[in-house]
C-alpha atoms as a PDB file:
ATOM      1  CA  UNK A   1     -12.780   3.356 -58.693  1.00  0.00           C
ATOM      2  CA  UNK A   2     -11.264   6.235 -60.553  1.00  0.00           C
ATOM      3  CA  UNK A   3     -10.780   8.317 -57.549  1.00  0.00           C
ATOM      4  CA  UNK A   4      -8.581   5.617 -55.718  1.00  0.00           C
ATOM      5  CA  UNK A   5      -6.760   4.454 -59.163  1.00  0.00           C
ATOM      6  CA  UNK A   6      -8.435   1.201 -59.359  1.00  0.00           C
ATOM      7  CA  UNK A   7      -9.249  -0.801 -62.584  1.00  0.00           C
ATOM      8  CA  UNK A   8     -10.795  -4.173 -63.261  1.00  0.00           C
ATOM      9  CA  UNK A   9     -10.442  -7.025 -65.563  1.00  0.00           C
ATOM     10  CA  UNK A  10     -13.543  -8.842 -66.401  1.00  0.00           C
ATOM     11  CA  UNK A  11     -12.819 -12.703 -65.651  1.00  0.00           C
ATOM     12  CA  UNK A  12     -16.067 -14.396 -67.009  1.00  0.00           C
ATOM     13  CA  UNK A  13     -19.684 -13.856 -67.258  1.00  0.00           C
ATOM     14  CA  UNK A  14     -22.007 -16.157 -65.290  1.00  0.00           C
ATOM     15  CA  UNK A  15     -25.498 -17.390 -65.476  1.00  0.00           C
ATOM     16  CA  UNK A  16     -27.008 -17.162 -61.834  1.00  0.00           C
ATOM     17  CA  UNK A  17     -27.006 -20.365 -60.105  1.00  0.00           C
ATOM     18  CA  UNK A  18     -28.623 -21.399 -57.028  1.00  0.00           C
ATOM     19  CA  UNK A  19     -26.429 -23.306 -54.158  1.00  0.00           C
ATOM     20  CA  UNK A  20     -28.497 -25.771 -52.156  1.00  0.00           C
ATOM     21  CA  UNK A  21     -27.981 -29.036 -50.601  1.00  0.00           C
ATOM     22  CA  UNK A  22     -27.716 -32.412 -52.507  1.00  0.00           C
ATOM     23  CA  UNK A  23     -30.642 -33.370 -50.318  1.00  0.00           C
ATOM     24  CA  UNK A  24     -32.637 -30.275 -50.790  1.00  0.00           C
ATOM     25  CA  UNK A  25     -36.303 -30.999 -52.088  1.00  0.00           C
ATOM     26  CA  UNK A  26     -35.560 -28.958 -55.326  1.00  0.00           C
ATOM     27  CA  UNK A  27     -32.194 -30.798 -55.934  1.00  0.00           C
ATOM     28  CA  UNK A  28     -33.462 -33.079 -58.687  1.00  0.00           C
ATOM     29  CA  UNK A  29     -34.655 -30.102 -60.834  1.00  0.00           C
ATOM     30  CA  UNK A  30     -32.606 -29.087 -64.084  1.00  0.00           C
ATOM     31  CA  UNK A  31     -33.349 -25.315 -63.334  1.00  0.00           C
ATOM     32  CA  UNK A  32     -34.936 -23.632 -60.314  1.00  0.00           C
ATOM     33  CA  UNK A  33     -37.295 -20.429 -60.550  1.00  0.00           C
ATOM     34  CA  UNK A  34     -37.454 -17.680 -57.511  1.00  0.00           C
ATOM     35  CA  UNK A  35     -41.153 -18.503 -57.085  1.00  0.00           C
ATOM     36  CA  UNK A  36     -40.075 -22.286 -56.354  1.00  0.00           C
ATOM     37  CA  UNK A  37     -37.577 -20.842 -53.336  1.00  0.00           C
ATOM     38  CA  UNK A  38     -40.184 -18.817 -51.819  1.00  0.00           C
ATOM     39  CA  UNK A  39     -40.604 -21.375 -48.829  1.00  0.00           C
ATOM     40  CA  UNK A  40     -37.105 -21.799 -48.155  1.00  0.00           C
ATOM     41  CA  UNK A  41     -34.477 -19.631 -46.271  1.00  0.00           C
ATOM     42  CA  UNK A  42     -32.536 -17.257 -48.512  1.00  0.00           C
ATOM     43  CA  UNK A  43     -28.786 -17.098 -47.027  1.00  0.00           C
ATOM     44  CA  UNK A  44     -26.691 -13.991 -47.730  1.00  0.00           C
ATOM     45  CA  UNK A  45     -23.519 -12.366 -46.287  1.00  0.00           C
ATOM     46  CA  UNK A  46     -23.975  -9.715 -43.840  1.00  0.00           C
ATOM     47  CA  UNK A  47     -22.111  -6.615 -45.054  1.00  0.00           C
ATOM     48  CA  UNK A  48     -22.265  -4.275 -42.301  1.00  0.00           C
ATOM     49  CA  UNK A  49     -24.294  -1.030 -42.152  1.00  0.00           C
ATOM     50  CA  UNK A  50     -22.178   1.453 -44.007  1.00  0.00           C
ATOM     51  CA  UNK A  51     -23.179   1.598 -47.668  1.00  0.00           C
ATOM     52  CA  UNK A  52     -24.013  -2.217 -47.378  1.00  0.00           C
ATOM     53  CA  UNK A  53     -25.889  -2.360 -50.514  1.00  0.00           C
ATOM     54  CA  UNK A  54     -23.111  -1.288 -52.517  1.00  0.00           C
ATOM     55  CA  UNK A  55     -21.004  -4.435 -51.191  1.00  0.00           C
ATOM     56  CA  UNK A  56     -23.409  -6.999 -51.648  1.00  0.00           C
ATOM     57  CA  UNK A  57     -21.886 -10.153 -52.963  1.00  0.00           C
ATOM     58  CA  UNK A  58     -24.994 -11.837 -54.413  1.00  0.00           C
ATOM     59  CA  UNK A  59     -26.680 -10.970 -57.438  1.00  0.00           C
ATOM     60  CA  UNK A  60     -30.464 -10.263 -56.909  1.00  0.00           C
ATOM     61  CA  UNK A  61     -29.734  -9.245 -53.462  1.00  0.00           C
ATOM     62  CA  UNK A  62     -32.713  -6.556 -53.801  1.00  0.00           C
ATOM     63  CA  UNK A  63     -35.440  -9.329 -54.502  1.00  0.00           C
ATOM     64  CA  UNK A  64     -37.564  -9.440 -51.428  1.00  0.00           C
ATOM     65  CA  UNK A  65     -37.711 -12.809 -49.625  1.00  0.00           C
ATOM     66  CA  UNK A  66     -39.993 -14.365 -47.052  1.00  0.00           C
ATOM     67  CA  UNK A  67     -37.129 -16.045 -45.046  1.00  0.00           C
ATOM     68  CA  UNK A  68     -33.761 -13.949 -45.223  1.00  0.00           C
ATOM     69  CA  UNK A  69     -30.877 -15.199 -42.940  1.00  0.00           C
ATOM     70  CA  UNK A  70     -27.597 -13.115 -43.153  1.00  0.00           C
ATOM     71  CA  UNK A  71     -24.512 -14.889 -41.988  1.00  0.00           C
ATOM     72  CA  UNK A  72     -20.614 -13.531 -41.624  1.00  0.00           C
ATOM     73  CA  UNK A  73     -18.664 -16.527 -43.130  1.00  0.00           C
ATOM     74  CA  UNK A  74     -18.804 -19.390 -45.932  1.00  0.00           C
ATOM     75  CA  UNK A  75     -18.710 -22.193 -43.552  1.00  0.00           C
ATOM     76  CA  UNK A  76     -21.894 -21.171 -41.723  1.00  0.00           C
ATOM     77  CA  UNK A  77     -23.738 -20.262 -44.793  1.00  0.00           C
ATOM     78  CA  UNK A  78     -22.928 -23.763 -46.435  1.00  0.00           C
ATOM     79  CA  UNK A  79     -23.753 -25.347 -42.989  1.00  0.00           C
ATOM     80  CA  UNK A  80     -27.296 -23.613 -43.075  1.00  0.00           C
ATOM     81  CA  UNK A  81     -27.882 -24.519 -46.689  1.00  0.00           C
ATOM     82  CA  UNK A  82     -27.735 -28.032 -45.481  1.00  0.00           C
ATOM     83  CA  UNK A  83     -29.290 -28.038 -42.103  1.00  0.00           C
ATOM     84  CA  UNK A  84     -32.101 -25.595 -43.182  1.00  0.00           C
ATOM     85  CA  UNK A  85     -32.599 -26.475 -46.805  1.00  0.00           C
ATOM     86  CA  UNK A  86     -31.695 -22.944 -47.413  1.00  0.00           C
ATOM     87  CA  UNK A  87     -30.083 -21.574 -50.619  1.00  0.00           C
ATOM     88  CA  UNK A  88     -28.061 -18.842 -52.111  1.00  0.00           C
ATOM     89  CA  UNK A  89     -27.479 -17.364 -55.509  1.00  0.00           C
ATOM     90  CA  UNK A  90     -24.264 -17.146 -56.993  1.00  0.00           C
ATOM     91  CA  UNK A  91     -21.911 -17.732 -60.104  1.00  0.00           C
ATOM     92  CA  UNK A  92     -22.354 -21.548 -60.263  1.00  0.00           C
ATOM     93  CA  UNK A  93     -18.569 -21.979 -59.605  1.00  0.00           C
ATOM     94  CA  UNK A  94     -18.455 -24.629 -56.997  1.00  0.00           C
ATOM     95  CA  UNK A  95     -15.228 -26.427 -56.132  1.00  0.00           C
ATOM     96  CA  UNK A  96     -15.971 -29.894 -54.556  1.00  0.00           C
ATOM     97  CA  UNK A  97     -12.419 -30.243 -53.293  1.00  0.00           C
ATOM     98  CA  UNK A  98     -12.953 -27.102 -51.129  1.00  0.00           C
ATOM     99  CA  UNK A  99     -16.674 -27.016 -50.332  1.00  0.00           C
ATOM    100  CA  UNK A 100     -17.394 -30.760 -50.272  1.00  0.00           C
ATOM    101  CA  UNK A 101     -19.965 -32.919 -51.944  1.00  0.00           C
ATOM    102  CA  UNK A 102     -23.016 -31.783 -50.204  1.00  0.00           C
ATOM    103  CA  UNK A 103     -23.421 -28.528 -51.780  1.00  0.00           C
ATOM    104  CA  UNK A 104     -24.681 -28.609 -55.485  1.00  0.00           C
ATOM    105  CA  UNK A 105     -25.095 -25.845 -58.019  1.00  0.00           C
ATOM    106  CA  UNK A 106     -28.328 -25.452 -60.175  1.00  0.00           C
ATOM    107  CA  UNK A 107     -29.178 -22.877 -62.745  1.00  0.00           C
ATOM    108  CA  UNK A 108     -31.601 -20.284 -61.776  1.00  0.00           C
ATOM    109  CA  UNK A 109     -34.331 -19.930 -64.387  1.00  0.00           C
ATOM    110  CA  UNK A 110     -33.698 -15.942 -64.838  1.00  0.00           C
ATOM    111  CA  UNK A 111     -32.518 -13.651 -67.525  1.00  0.00           C
ATOM    112  CA  UNK A 112     -29.916 -12.102 -65.526  1.00  0.00           C
ATOM    113  CA  UNK A 113     -26.193 -12.590 -65.502  1.00  0.00           C
ATOM    114  CA  UNK A 114     -23.082 -11.478 -63.502  1.00  0.00           C
ATOM    115  CA  UNK A 115     -19.911 -10.265 -64.545  1.00  0.00           C
ATOM    116  CA  UNK A 116     -17.130 -11.639 -62.212  1.00  0.00           C
ATOM    117  CA  UNK A 117     -14.084  -9.217 -61.983  1.00  0.00           C
ATOM    118  CA  UNK A 118     -10.800  -8.791 -60.443  1.00  0.00           C
ATOM    119  CA  UNK A 119     -10.192  -5.386 -59.088  1.00  0.00           C
ATOM    120  CA  UNK A 120      -6.654  -3.831 -58.932  1.00  0.00           C
ATOM    121  CA  UNK A 121      -4.487  -0.862 -58.458  1.00  0.00           C
ATOM    122  CA  UNK A 122      -3.713   0.902 -61.669  1.00  0.00           C
ATOM    123  CA  UNK A 123      -0.258   1.803 -60.547  1.00  0.00           C
ATOM    124  CA  UNK A 124       0.913  -1.261 -58.877  1.00  0.00           C
ATOM    125  CA  UNK A 125       2.292  -4.415 -60.855  1.00  0.00           C
ATOM    126  CA  UNK A 126       0.391  -7.653 -59.845  1.00  0.00           C
ATOM    127  CA  UNK A 127       2.725  -9.961 -58.229  1.00  0.00           C
ATOM    128  CA  UNK A 128       3.679 -13.532 -59.528  1.00  0.00           C
ATOM    129  CA  UNK A 129       1.377 -14.857 -57.291  1.00  0.00           C
ATOM    130  CA  UNK A 130      -1.587 -12.552 -58.408  1.00  0.00           C
ATOM    131  CA  UNK A 131      -0.684 -13.457 -62.105  1.00  0.00           C
ATOM    132  CA  UNK A 132      -0.694 -17.185 -61.206  1.00  0.00           C
ATOM    133  CA  UNK A 133      -4.148 -16.770 -59.171  1.00  0.00           C
ATOM    134  CA  UNK A 134      -5.895 -14.928 -62.422  1.00  0.00           C
ATOM    135  CA  UNK A 135      -4.420 -17.424 -64.705  1.00  0.00           C
ATOM    136  CA  UNK A 136      -5.751 -20.104 -62.479  1.00  0.00           C
ATOM    137  CA  UNK A 137      -9.255 -18.893 -62.395  1.00  0.00           C
ATOM    138  CA  UNK A 138      -9.185 -18.452 -66.062  1.00  0.00           C
ATOM    139  CA  UNK A 139      -8.117 -22.091 -66.622  1.00  0.00           C
ATOM    140  CA  UNK A 140     -10.942 -23.170 -63.906  1.00  0.00           C
ATOM    141  CA  UNK A 141     -13.637 -21.369 -65.473  1.00  0.00           C
ATOM    142  CA  UNK A 142     -12.819 -22.406 -69.176  1.00  0.00           C
END
């Protein structure tokens, strides 16, 4: 980041959550463990071949899983969550207006956390729209 004059701003800290279908067999649980997810396909984003580990979007991406499906877009991921009783692990922030009512977020029983950050160029002022975006995220996550 230093080599490219990048800075970051921490937006919030989140406990990992499992995104699953509202009809998933585990959807009635208050928390879900990784062991309970063993028999279900894990869905993650394909990040390419070059340094893909460093660009992983998902927390716990190095955990070995019995079934792993890599996708390239969010719509496909959410359709497979529903159709295959799959899951992914994320921040827990889920907008029903954007993603519909069929996907729910359930806390993962785990001690890890994730910091959600915004990365910006050190020498470039954030546009009015960029400032509005960051303010909106802060309000949404309060």
